[in-house]
Amino acid sequence: MRNFCGIRTLESQKTFFAEQTFEEIESILNRIINEIDKICEVENFEEVASNLLQRIDVVTNLSSSQVSPSYRIH
């Protein structure tokens, strides 16, 4: 497993999942990390990242959230 915050968090919660479920989640998380690694290598990374964050915002609606902006990641 990579030394990544999401992987460490998942590992710390392993006891809450059935083994097969844990392995599926781990596999999906690793695929996501691999895709992010590929995106980071793209020449126009900033544009791609901006577009991705906008798409995530459309789904999550975080930009219009009443939560203090200091708690937001993006």
N, C-alpha and C. Protein backbone atom coordinates (compact mmCIF):
# COMPACT_ATOMS: atom_id res chain seq x y z
N MET A 1 0.82 -1.20 0.00
CA MET A 1 0.00 0.00 0.00
C MET A 1 0.86 1.25 0.00
N ARG A 2 0.41 2.27 -0.66
CA ARG A 2 1.14 3.52 -0.70
C ARG A 2 1.02 4.24 0.64
N ASN A 3 1.95 5.11 0.88
CA ASN A 3 1.91 5.93 2.08
C ASN A 3 1.09 7.19 1.78
N PHE A 4 -0.20 7.03 1.77
CA PHE A 4 -1.13 8.09 1.39
C PHE A 4 -2.16 8.20 2.51
N CYS A 5 -2.57 9.40 2.83
CA CYS A 5 -3.50 9.65 3.95
C CYS A 5 -4.76 8.80 3.84
N GLY A 6 -5.36 8.73 2.64
CA GLY A 6 -6.58 7.95 2.45
C GLY A 6 -6.36 6.47 2.69
N ILE A 7 -5.20 5.97 2.28
CA ILE A 7 -4.87 4.56 2.49
C ILE A 7 -4.66 4.29 3.98
N ARG A 8 -3.95 5.19 4.65
CA ARG A 8 -3.73 5.02 6.10
C ARG A 8 -5.06 5.05 6.85
N THR A 9 -5.95 5.96 6.45
CA THR A 9 -7.26 6.04 7.09
C THR A 9 -8.04 4.76 6.85
N LEU A 10 -8.02 4.29 5.62
CA LEU A 10 -8.72 3.04 5.30
C LEU A 10 -8.16 1.89 6.12
N GLU A 11 -6.85 1.79 6.20
CA GLU A 11 -6.20 0.72 6.97
C GLU A 11 -6.62 0.77 8.43
N SER A 12 -6.75 1.97 8.99
CA SER A 12 -7.13 2.10 10.40
C SER A 12 -8.58 1.68 10.65
N GLN A 13 -9.39 1.61 9.57
CA GLN A 13 -10.79 1.23 9.70
C GLN A 13 -11.06 -0.19 9.20
N LYS A 14 -10.01 -0.94 8.95
CA LYS A 14 -10.13 -2.27 8.36
C LYS A 14 -11.04 -3.20 9.17
N THR A 15 -11.02 -3.06 10.47
CA THR A 15 -11.82 -3.96 11.32
C THR A 15 -13.32 -3.77 11.14
N PHE A 16 -13.73 -2.66 10.54
CA PHE A 16 -15.14 -2.39 10.35
C PHE A 16 -15.71 -2.99 9.07
N PHE A 17 -14.85 -3.57 8.23
CA PHE A 17 -15.27 -4.10 6.93
C PHE A 17 -15.03 -5.60 6.84
N ALA A 18 -15.87 -6.26 6.07
CA ALA A 18 -15.60 -7.65 5.71
C ALA A 18 -14.35 -7.62 4.83
N GLU A 19 -13.56 -8.69 4.85
CA GLU A 19 -12.30 -8.72 4.10
C GLU A 19 -12.49 -8.42 2.62
N GLN A 20 -13.50 -9.02 2.00
CA GLN A 20 -13.74 -8.79 0.57
C GLN A 20 -14.10 -7.33 0.31
N THR A 21 -14.93 -6.76 1.16
CA THR A 21 -15.32 -5.36 1.02
C THR A 21 -14.11 -4.46 1.15
N PHE A 22 -13.27 -4.75 2.15
CA PHE A 22 -12.06 -3.96 2.35
C PHE A 22 -11.16 -4.03 1.11
N GLU A 23 -10.99 -5.21 0.57
CA GLU A 23 -10.14 -5.38 -0.61
C GLU A 23 -10.70 -4.63 -1.82
N GLU A 24 -12.02 -4.62 -1.96
CA GLU A 24 -12.64 -3.87 -3.07
C GLU A 24 -12.43 -2.37 -2.89
N ILE A 25 -12.63 -1.88 -1.68
CA ILE A 25 -12.42 -0.45 -1.40
C ILE A 25 -10.96 -0.09 -1.63
N GLU A 26 -10.06 -0.91 -1.15
CA GLU A 26 -8.63 -0.67 -1.33
C GLU A 26 -8.26 -0.62 -2.81
N SER A 27 -8.81 -1.54 -3.59
CA SER A 27 -8.55 -1.59 -5.03
C SER A 27 -9.05 -0.32 -5.72
N ILE A 28 -10.25 0.09 -5.38
CA ILE A 28 -10.83 1.30 -5.97
C ILE A 28 -10.01 2.53 -5.58
N LEU A 29 -9.64 2.62 -4.32
CA LEU A 29 -8.84 3.76 -3.86
C LEU A 29 -7.49 3.79 -4.58
N ASN A 30 -6.87 2.65 -4.77
CA ASN A 30 -5.61 2.59 -5.51
C ASN A 30 -5.79 3.01 -6.96
N ARG A 31 -6.90 2.63 -7.58
CA ARG A 31 -7.17 3.06 -8.96
C ARG A 31 -7.33 4.57 -9.02
N ILE A 32 -8.03 5.14 -8.05
CA ILE A 32 -8.22 6.59 -8.00
C ILE A 32 -6.87 7.29 -7.86
N ILE A 33 -6.03 6.79 -6.98
CA ILE A 33 -4.71 7.38 -6.77
C ILE A 33 -3.88 7.29 -8.05
N ASN A 34 -3.93 6.15 -8.73
CA ASN A 34 -3.20 6.00 -9.98
C ASN A 34 -3.69 7.00 -11.03
N GLU A 35 -5.00 7.18 -11.11
CA GLU A 35 -5.55 8.14 -12.07
C GLU A 35 -5.12 9.57 -11.72
N ILE A 36 -5.13 9.89 -10.44
CA ILE A 36 -4.69 11.23 -10.02
C ILE A 36 -3.21 11.42 -10.38
N ASP A 37 -2.40 10.39 -10.16
CA ASP A 37 -0.99 10.47 -10.55
C ASP A 37 -0.84 10.77 -12.04
N LYS A 38 -1.65 10.11 -12.86
CA LYS A 38 -1.59 10.34 -14.31
C LYS A 38 -2.01 11.76 -14.65
N ILE A 39 -3.06 12.24 -14.00
CA ILE A 39 -3.55 13.60 -14.26
C ILE A 39 -2.48 14.62 -13.88
N CYS A 40 -1.76 14.38 -12.79
CA CYS A 40 -0.72 15.32 -12.34
C CYS A 40 0.42 15.44 -13.34
N GLU A 41 0.60 14.43 -14.18
CA GLU A 41 1.68 14.44 -15.17
C GLU A 41 1.27 15.13 -16.48
N VAL A 42 -0.01 15.45 -16.63
CA VAL A 42 -0.50 16.08 -17.85
C VAL A 42 0.06 17.50 -17.94
N GLU A 43 0.41 17.91 -19.15
CA GLU A 43 1.02 19.22 -19.36
C GLU A 43 0.11 20.36 -18.89
N ASN A 44 -1.18 20.24 -19.13
CA ASN A 44 -2.13 21.30 -18.73
C ASN A 44 -2.84 20.93 -17.43
N PHE A 45 -2.05 20.46 -16.46
CA PHE A 45 -2.58 19.97 -15.18
C PHE A 45 -3.50 20.98 -14.50
N GLU A 46 -3.08 22.23 -14.45
CA GLU A 46 -3.88 23.24 -13.74
C GLU A 46 -5.28 23.36 -14.34
N GLU A 47 -5.37 23.33 -15.65
CA GLU A 47 -6.66 23.41 -16.32
C GLU A 47 -7.50 22.16 -16.03
N VAL A 48 -6.87 21.01 -16.10
CA VAL A 48 -7.58 19.74 -15.83
C VAL A 48 -8.06 19.71 -14.39
N ALA A 49 -7.19 20.10 -13.45
CA ALA A 49 -7.56 20.11 -12.03
C ALA A 49 -8.71 21.07 -11.76
N SER A 50 -8.66 22.25 -12.37
CA SER A 50 -9.72 23.23 -12.19
C SER A 50 -11.05 22.69 -12.70
N ASN A 51 -11.01 22.06 -13.88
CA ASN A 51 -12.22 21.48 -14.45
C ASN A 51 -12.77 20.38 -13.56
N LEU A 52 -11.89 19.54 -13.04
CA LEU A 52 -12.30 18.45 -12.16
C LEU A 52 -12.95 19.00 -10.88
N LEU A 53 -12.33 20.02 -10.29
CA LEU A 53 -12.89 20.60 -9.07
C LEU A 53 -14.25 21.24 -9.33
N GLN A 54 -14.42 21.85 -10.49
CA GLN A 54 -15.72 22.43 -10.85
C GLN A 54 -16.77 21.33 -10.97
N ARG A 55 -16.39 20.21 -11.57
CA ARG A 55 -17.33 19.09 -11.71
C ARG A 55 -17.71 18.52 -10.35
N ILE A 56 -16.71 18.40 -9.47
CA ILE A 56 -17.00 17.91 -8.11
C ILE A 56 -17.94 18.87 -7.40
N ASP A 57 -17.72 20.17 -7.59
CA ASP A 57 -18.58 21.17 -6.95
C ASP A 57 -20.01 21.09 -7.45
N VAL A 58 -20.19 20.78 -8.73
CA VAL A 58 -21.54 20.62 -9.27
C VAL A 58 -22.27 19.50 -8.52
N VAL A 59 -21.55 18.44 -8.22
CA VAL A 59 -22.16 17.29 -7.53
C VAL A 59 -22.34 17.58 -6.04
N THR A 60 -21.32 18.16 -5.40
CA THR A 60 -21.36 18.35 -3.95
C THR A 60 -22.00 19.66 -3.52
N ASN A 61 -21.98 20.66 -4.42
CA ASN A 61 -22.52 21.99 -4.13
C ASN A 61 -21.80 22.64 -2.95
N LEU A 62 -20.51 22.33 -2.79
CA LEU A 62 -19.76 22.87 -1.66
C LEU A 62 -19.59 24.38 -1.72
N SER A 63 -19.49 24.93 -2.91
CA SER A 63 -19.25 26.37 -3.01
C SER A 63 -20.40 27.20 -2.44
N SER A 64 -21.59 26.63 -2.40
CA SER A 64 -22.72 27.37 -1.83
C SER A 64 -23.04 26.91 -0.41
N SER A 65 -22.17 26.07 0.14
CA SER A 65 -22.36 25.55 1.48
C SER A 65 -22.24 26.66 2.52
N GLN A 66 -22.96 26.51 3.61
CA GLN A 66 -22.90 27.47 4.71
C GLN A 66 -21.72 27.19 5.64
N VAL A 67 -20.98 26.12 5.36
CA VAL A 67 -19.82 25.78 6.18
C VAL A 67 -18.74 26.83 5.95
N SER A 68 -18.05 27.19 7.02
CA SER A 68 -16.99 28.19 6.93
C SER A 68 -15.97 27.78 5.88
N PRO A 69 -15.59 28.70 4.99
CA PRO A 69 -14.61 28.38 3.93
C PRO A 69 -13.29 27.86 4.49
N SER A 70 -12.95 28.18 5.73
CA SER A 70 -11.69 27.71 6.31
C SER A 70 -11.67 26.19 6.47
N TYR A 71 -12.86 25.55 6.45
CA TYR A 71 -12.93 24.11 6.57
C TYR A 71 -12.88 23.41 5.22
N ARG A 72 -12.96 24.17 4.16
CA ARG A 72 -12.98 23.58 2.82
C ARG A 72 -11.58 23.26 2.36
N ILE A 73 -11.47 22.23 1.54
CA ILE A 73 -10.17 21.84 1.02
C ILE A 73 -9.84 22.59 -0.24
N HIS A 74 -10.81 22.82 -1.12
CA HIS A 74 -10.51 23.48 -2.40
C HIS A 74 -10.79 24.94 -2.40
